[in-house]
Amino acid sequence: MAGEPEDLIKPHTGDNASWLAPELAELIEWEAVQRRRDARRAELLAEVHTAGLTDTAHGQRTPMWLADVCDLPDNTARTLVRISTR
């Protein structure tokens, strides 16, 4: 049964000495992966925006290109680009 000692694992980071259920450990790993993906997306968006790649190749500013190709709301795409270029 979940929650039994053999189903629990010790966290690999932090000072928390308690044991974690596998689902909690998986959530921690998902968050770590998502943070790495978010950081890489920011790097790529900054490079693309600074170089003006979407302006010359597609005739669109970076936020509008991102919104179109990724099916994002315009405001979300603008926010992602703005944060990436800080």
C-alpha atoms as a PDB file:
ATOM      1  CA  MET A   1       0.000   0.000   0.000  1.00  0.00           C
ATOM      2  CA  ALA A   2       1.253   3.520  -0.788  1.00  0.00           C
ATOM      3  CA  GLY A   3       2.619   5.245   2.247  1.00  0.00           C
ATOM      4  CA  GLU A   4       4.136   2.100   3.693  1.00  0.00           C
ATOM      5  CA  PRO A   5       7.852   2.438   4.527  1.00  0.00           C
ATOM      6  CA  GLU A   6       8.973   0.388   1.520  1.00  0.00           C
ATOM      7  CA  ASP A   7       6.993   2.722  -0.783  1.00  0.00           C
ATOM      8  CA  LEU A   8       8.637   5.841   0.566  1.00  0.00           C
ATOM      9  CA  ILE A   9      11.904   7.374  -0.555  1.00  0.00           C
ATOM     10  CA  LYS A  10      14.222   9.817   1.115  1.00  0.00           C
ATOM     11  CA  PRO A  11      14.305  13.248  -0.553  1.00  0.00           C
ATOM     12  CA  HIS A  12      17.533  13.896  -2.412  1.00  0.00           C
ATOM     13  CA  THR A  13      17.643  17.646  -1.744  1.00  0.00           C
ATOM     14  CA  GLY A  14      16.933  20.043   1.065  1.00  0.00           C
ATOM     15  CA  ASP A  15      17.122  19.740   4.813  1.00  0.00           C
ATOM     16  CA  ASN A  16      13.847  17.860   5.106  1.00  0.00           C
ATOM     17  CA  ALA A  17      14.695  14.568   6.777  1.00  0.00           C
ATOM     18  CA  SER A  18      11.226  13.104   6.304  1.00  0.00           C
ATOM     19  CA  TRP A  19      10.519  10.421   3.756  1.00  0.00           C
ATOM     20  CA  LEU A  20       8.494  11.132   0.624  1.00  0.00           C
ATOM     21  CA  ALA A  21       5.928   9.058  -1.181  1.00  0.00           C
ATOM     22  CA  PRO A  22       6.965   8.291  -4.783  1.00  0.00           C
ATOM     23  CA  GLU A  23       4.282  10.653  -6.076  1.00  0.00           C
ATOM     24  CA  LEU A  24       5.764  13.545  -4.099  1.00  0.00           C
ATOM     25  CA  ALA A  25       9.267  12.737  -5.319  1.00  0.00           C
ATOM     26  CA  GLU A  26       7.940  12.663  -8.881  1.00  0.00           C
ATOM     27  CA  LEU A  27       6.343  16.088  -8.423  1.00  0.00           C
ATOM     28  CA  ILE A  28       9.673  17.458  -7.197  1.00  0.00           C
ATOM     29  CA  GLU A  29      11.402  16.045 -10.274  1.00  0.00           C
ATOM     30  CA  TRP A  30       8.718  17.448 -12.604  1.00  0.00           C
ATOM     31  CA  GLU A  31       9.227  20.898 -11.081  1.00  0.00           C
ATOM     32  CA  ALA A  32      12.999  20.702 -11.522  1.00  0.00           C
ATOM     33  CA  VAL A  33      12.597  19.695 -15.170  1.00  0.00           C
ATOM     34  CA  GLN A  34      10.051  22.466 -15.782  1.00  0.00           C
ATOM     35  CA  ARG A  35      12.405  25.079 -14.316  1.00  0.00           C
ATOM     36  CA  ARG A  36      15.192  23.928 -16.648  1.00  0.00           C
ATOM     37  CA  ARG A  37      12.811  24.085 -19.621  1.00  0.00           C
ATOM     38  CA  ASP A  38      11.599  27.553 -18.621  1.00  0.00           C
ATOM     39  CA  ALA A  39      15.177  28.800 -18.332  1.00  0.00           C
ATOM     40  CA  ARG A  40      16.090  27.410 -21.750  1.00  0.00           C
ATOM     41  CA  ARG A  41      12.955  28.903 -23.313  1.00  0.00           C
ATOM     42  CA  ALA A  42      13.936  32.288 -21.894  1.00  0.00           C
ATOM     43  CA  GLU A  43      17.437  31.967 -23.351  1.00  0.00           C
ATOM     44  CA  LEU A  44      16.094  31.032 -26.775  1.00  0.00           C
ATOM     45  CA  LEU A  45      13.474  33.777 -26.807  1.00  0.00           C
ATOM     46  CA  ALA A  46      16.076  36.372 -25.826  1.00  0.00           C
ATOM     47  CA  GLU A  47      18.415  35.211 -28.612  1.00  0.00           C
ATOM     48  CA  VAL A  48      15.661  35.124 -31.235  1.00  0.00           C
ATOM     49  CA  HIS A  49      14.275  38.511 -30.196  1.00  0.00           C
ATOM     50  CA  THR A  50      17.665  40.227 -29.992  1.00  0.00           C
ATOM     51  CA  ALA A  51      18.690  38.898 -33.402  1.00  0.00           C
ATOM     52  CA  GLY A  52      15.345  39.872 -34.927  1.00  0.00           C
ATOM     53  CA  LEU A  53      15.004  36.417 -36.461  1.00  0.00           C
ATOM     54  CA  THR A  54      11.223  36.432 -36.614  1.00  0.00           C
ATOM     55  CA  ASP A  55      11.174  39.938 -38.123  1.00  0.00           C
ATOM     56  CA  THR A  56      13.349  38.981 -41.060  1.00  0.00           C
ATOM     57  CA  ALA A  57      12.312  35.360 -41.555  1.00  0.00           C
ATOM     58  CA  HIS A  58       8.579  35.617 -40.860  1.00  0.00           C
ATOM     59  CA  GLY A  59       7.665  39.302 -40.940  1.00  0.00           C
ATOM     60  CA  GLN A  60       6.395  39.263 -37.370  1.00  0.00           C
ATOM     61  CA  ARG A  61       7.713  40.610 -34.107  1.00  0.00           C
ATOM     62  CA  THR A  62       8.805  37.861 -31.720  1.00  0.00           C
ATOM     63  CA  PRO A  63       5.774  37.995 -29.385  1.00  0.00           C
ATOM     64  CA  MET A  64       3.262  37.759 -32.221  1.00  0.00           C
ATOM     65  CA  TRP A  65       5.217  35.009 -33.953  1.00  0.00           C
ATOM     66  CA  LEU A  66       5.351  33.046 -30.680  1.00  0.00           C
ATOM     67  CA  ALA A  67       1.624  33.513 -30.138  1.00  0.00           C
ATOM     68  CA  ASP A  68       0.849  32.316 -33.661  1.00  0.00           C
ATOM     69  CA  VAL A  69       3.085  29.251 -33.846  1.00  0.00           C
ATOM     70  CA  CYS A  70       2.532  28.102 -30.253  1.00  0.00           C
ATOM     71  CA  ASP A  71      -1.169  28.969 -30.121  1.00  0.00           C
ATOM     72  CA  LEU A  72      -0.669  31.223 -27.087  1.00  0.00           C
ATOM     73  CA  PRO A  73      -2.722  34.240 -26.093  1.00  0.00           C
ATOM     74  CA  ASP A  74      -1.021  37.439 -27.313  1.00  0.00           C
ATOM     75  CA  ASN A  75      -0.571  38.763 -23.778  1.00  0.00           C
ATOM     76  CA  THR A  76       1.090  35.544 -22.645  1.00  0.00           C
ATOM     77  CA  ALA A  77       3.530  35.610 -25.567  1.00  0.00           C
ATOM     78  CA  ARG A  78       4.357  39.284 -24.944  1.00  0.00           C
ATOM     79  CA  THR A  79       4.982  38.570 -21.266  1.00  0.00           C
ATOM     80  CA  LEU A  80       7.251  35.611 -22.036  1.00  0.00           C
ATOM     81  CA  VAL A  81       9.359  37.679 -24.449  1.00  0.00           C
ATOM     82  CA  ARG A  82       9.477  40.699 -22.127  1.00  0.00           C
ATOM     83  CA  ILE A  83      10.626  38.585 -19.171  1.00  0.00           C
ATOM     84  CA  SER A  84      13.169  36.764 -21.350  1.00  0.00           C
ATOM     85  CA  THR A  85      14.805  39.976 -22.521  1.00  0.00           C
ATOM     86  CA  ARG A  86      15.280  41.576 -19.102  1.00  0.00           C
END
